Amino acid sequence: MIDNNYYNFKIIWKNRCDSMPEDIKKFQIIGIYKKERKEYPFKQIIIAQSENYAIHKLYSRIGSRHKVKRYNIKIEEVNMIE
């Protein structure tokens, strides 16, 4: 019974991976975030479908890791990596 459920899970997961879009890109985002009157530079590589979605992911990552609001994050440069 356990092996059968595992097999079904593998089939479902494979179908989800097959349906992923092919246009996923890597973006390198460089900037500064401010916290407690100090500025901290950052350089992040984010995998996303578009530049706007990559910026949104960056805001949520830095905000959750460092407890920084979006208006304290300044993005200086966004580059697409081949």
C-alpha atoms as a PDB file:
ATOM      1  CA  MET A   1       0.000   0.000   0.000  1.00  0.00           C
ATOM      2  CA  ILE A   2       2.770   2.479   0.841  1.00  0.00           C
ATOM      3  CA  ASP A   3       4.689   1.716  -2.345  1.00  0.00           C
ATOM      4  CA  ASN A   4       1.563   2.310  -4.433  1.00  0.00           C
ATOM      5  CA  ASN A   5       1.017   5.765  -2.897  1.00  0.00           C
ATOM      6  CA  TYR A   6       4.648   6.641  -3.502  1.00  0.00           C
ATOM      7  CA  TYR A   7       4.320   5.599  -7.139  1.00  0.00           C
ATOM      8  CA  ASN A   8       1.199   7.757  -7.578  1.00  0.00           C
ATOM      9  CA  PHE A   9       3.021  10.693  -6.012  1.00  0.00           C
ATOM     10  CA  LYS A  10       5.896  10.314  -8.480  1.00  0.00           C
ATOM     11  CA  ILE A  11       3.470  10.331 -11.425  1.00  0.00           C
ATOM     12  CA  ILE A  12       1.691  13.478 -10.176  1.00  0.00           C
ATOM     13  CA  TRP A  13       5.013  15.248  -9.522  1.00  0.00           C
ATOM     14  CA  LYS A  14       6.362  14.300 -12.969  1.00  0.00           C
ATOM     15  CA  ASN A  15       3.242  15.711 -14.646  1.00  0.00           C
ATOM     16  CA  ARG A  16       3.607  18.987 -12.728  1.00  0.00           C
ATOM     17  CA  CYS A  17       7.253  19.320 -13.765  1.00  0.00           C
ATOM     18  CA  ASP A  18       6.406  18.616 -17.400  1.00  0.00           C
ATOM     19  CA  SER A  19       3.884  21.450 -17.441  1.00  0.00           C
ATOM     20  CA  MET A  20       6.342  24.080 -16.184  1.00  0.00           C
ATOM     21  CA  PRO A  21       6.980  26.859 -18.704  1.00  0.00           C
ATOM     22  CA  GLU A  22      10.186  26.862 -20.701  1.00  0.00           C
ATOM     23  CA  ASP A  23      10.741  30.618 -20.443  1.00  0.00           C
ATOM     24  CA  ILE A  24      12.147  30.665 -16.900  1.00  0.00           C
ATOM     25  CA  LYS A  25      15.166  32.964 -16.617  1.00  0.00           C
ATOM     26  CA  LYS A  26      17.837  33.906 -14.072  1.00  0.00           C
ATOM     27  CA  PHE A  27      18.081  37.480 -12.863  1.00  0.00           C
ATOM     28  CA  GLN A  28      20.870  39.093 -10.871  1.00  0.00           C
ATOM     29  CA  ILE A  29      19.576  41.933  -8.713  1.00  0.00           C
ATOM     30  CA  ILE A  30      21.954  44.369  -7.016  1.00  0.00           C
ATOM     31  CA  GLY A  31      20.933  46.958  -4.461  1.00  0.00           C
ATOM     32  CA  ILE A  32      20.929  48.229  -0.891  1.00  0.00           C
ATOM     33  CA  TYR A  33      18.551  47.770   2.019  1.00  0.00           C
ATOM     34  CA  LYS A  34      18.387  49.985   5.079  1.00  0.00           C
ATOM     35  CA  LYS A  35      17.957  48.632   8.581  1.00  0.00           C
ATOM     36  CA  GLU A  36      18.478  50.486  11.864  1.00  0.00           C
ATOM     37  CA  ARG A  37      20.127  53.509  10.210  1.00  0.00           C
ATOM     38  CA  LYS A  38      22.675  51.358   8.386  1.00  0.00           C
ATOM     39  CA  GLU A  39      22.867  50.424   4.718  1.00  0.00           C
ATOM     40  CA  TYR A  40      23.621  46.866   3.654  1.00  0.00           C
ATOM     41  CA  PRO A  41      24.506  46.024   0.036  1.00  0.00           C
ATOM     42  CA  PHE A  42      23.146  42.835  -1.520  1.00  0.00           C
ATOM     43  CA  LYS A  43      23.511  40.806  -4.685  1.00  0.00           C
ATOM     44  CA  GLN A  44      20.886  38.105  -5.307  1.00  0.00           C
ATOM     45  CA  ILE A  45      20.348  35.631  -8.137  1.00  0.00           C
ATOM     46  CA  ILE A  46      16.666  34.821  -8.553  1.00  0.00           C
ATOM     47  CA  ILE A  47      14.976  32.392 -10.927  1.00  0.00           C
ATOM     48  CA  ALA A  48      11.685  33.741 -12.279  1.00  0.00           C
ATOM     49  CA  GLN A  49       9.544  34.067 -15.392  1.00  0.00           C
ATOM     50  CA  SER A  50       9.817  37.842 -15.712  1.00  0.00           C
ATOM     51  CA  GLU A  51      11.763  40.775 -14.324  1.00  0.00           C
ATOM     52  CA  ASN A  52       8.773  42.064 -12.344  1.00  0.00           C
ATOM     53  CA  TYR A  53       8.213  38.692 -10.715  1.00  0.00           C
ATOM     54  CA  ALA A  54      11.926  38.471  -9.830  1.00  0.00           C
ATOM     55  CA  ILE A  55      11.750  41.867  -8.123  1.00  0.00           C
ATOM     56  CA  HIS A  56       8.664  40.784  -6.190  1.00  0.00           C
ATOM     57  CA  LYS A  57      10.466  37.607  -5.038  1.00  0.00           C
ATOM     58  CA  LEU A  58      13.463  39.676  -3.953  1.00  0.00           C
ATOM     59  CA  TYR A  59      11.274  41.964  -1.843  1.00  0.00           C
ATOM     60  CA  SER A  60       9.640  38.997  -0.134  1.00  0.00           C
ATOM     61  CA  ARG A  61      12.974  37.190   0.471  1.00  0.00           C
ATOM     62  CA  ILE A  62      14.797  40.148   1.978  1.00  0.00           C
ATOM     63  CA  GLY A  63      11.726  41.201   3.916  1.00  0.00           C
ATOM     64  CA  SER A  64      11.279  37.795   5.503  1.00  0.00           C
ATOM     65  CA  ARG A  65      14.975  37.125   6.193  1.00  0.00           C
ATOM     66  CA  HIS A  66      15.962  40.555   7.493  1.00  0.00           C
ATOM     67  CA  LYS A  67      12.574  42.006   8.598  1.00  0.00           C
ATOM     68  CA  VAL A  68      12.855  44.963   6.212  1.00  0.00           C
ATOM     69  CA  LYS A  69       9.924  46.781   4.610  1.00  0.00           C
ATOM     70  CA  ARG A  70       9.777  47.188   0.839  1.00  0.00           C
ATOM     71  CA  TYR A  71      10.275  50.938   0.968  1.00  0.00           C
ATOM     72  CA  ASN A  72      13.651  50.347   2.710  1.00  0.00           C
ATOM     73  CA  ILE A  73      14.921  48.216  -0.189  1.00  0.00           C
ATOM     74  CA  LYS A  74      16.520  50.113  -3.076  1.00  0.00           C
ATOM     75  CA  ILE A  75      17.176  48.175  -6.273  1.00  0.00           C
ATOM     76  CA  GLU A  76      20.019  49.629  -8.311  1.00  0.00           C
ATOM     77  CA  GLU A  77      20.430  47.111 -11.119  1.00  0.00           C
ATOM     78  CA  VAL A  78      18.587  44.131 -12.621  1.00  0.00           C
ATOM     79  CA  ASN A  79      20.425  41.934 -15.151  1.00  0.00           C
ATOM     80  CA  MET A  80      19.253  38.826 -16.927  1.00  0.00           C
ATOM     81  CA  ILE A  81      21.805  35.995 -16.798  1.00  0.00           C
ATOM     82  CA  GLU A  82      22.089  33.567 -19.699  1.00  0.00           C
END
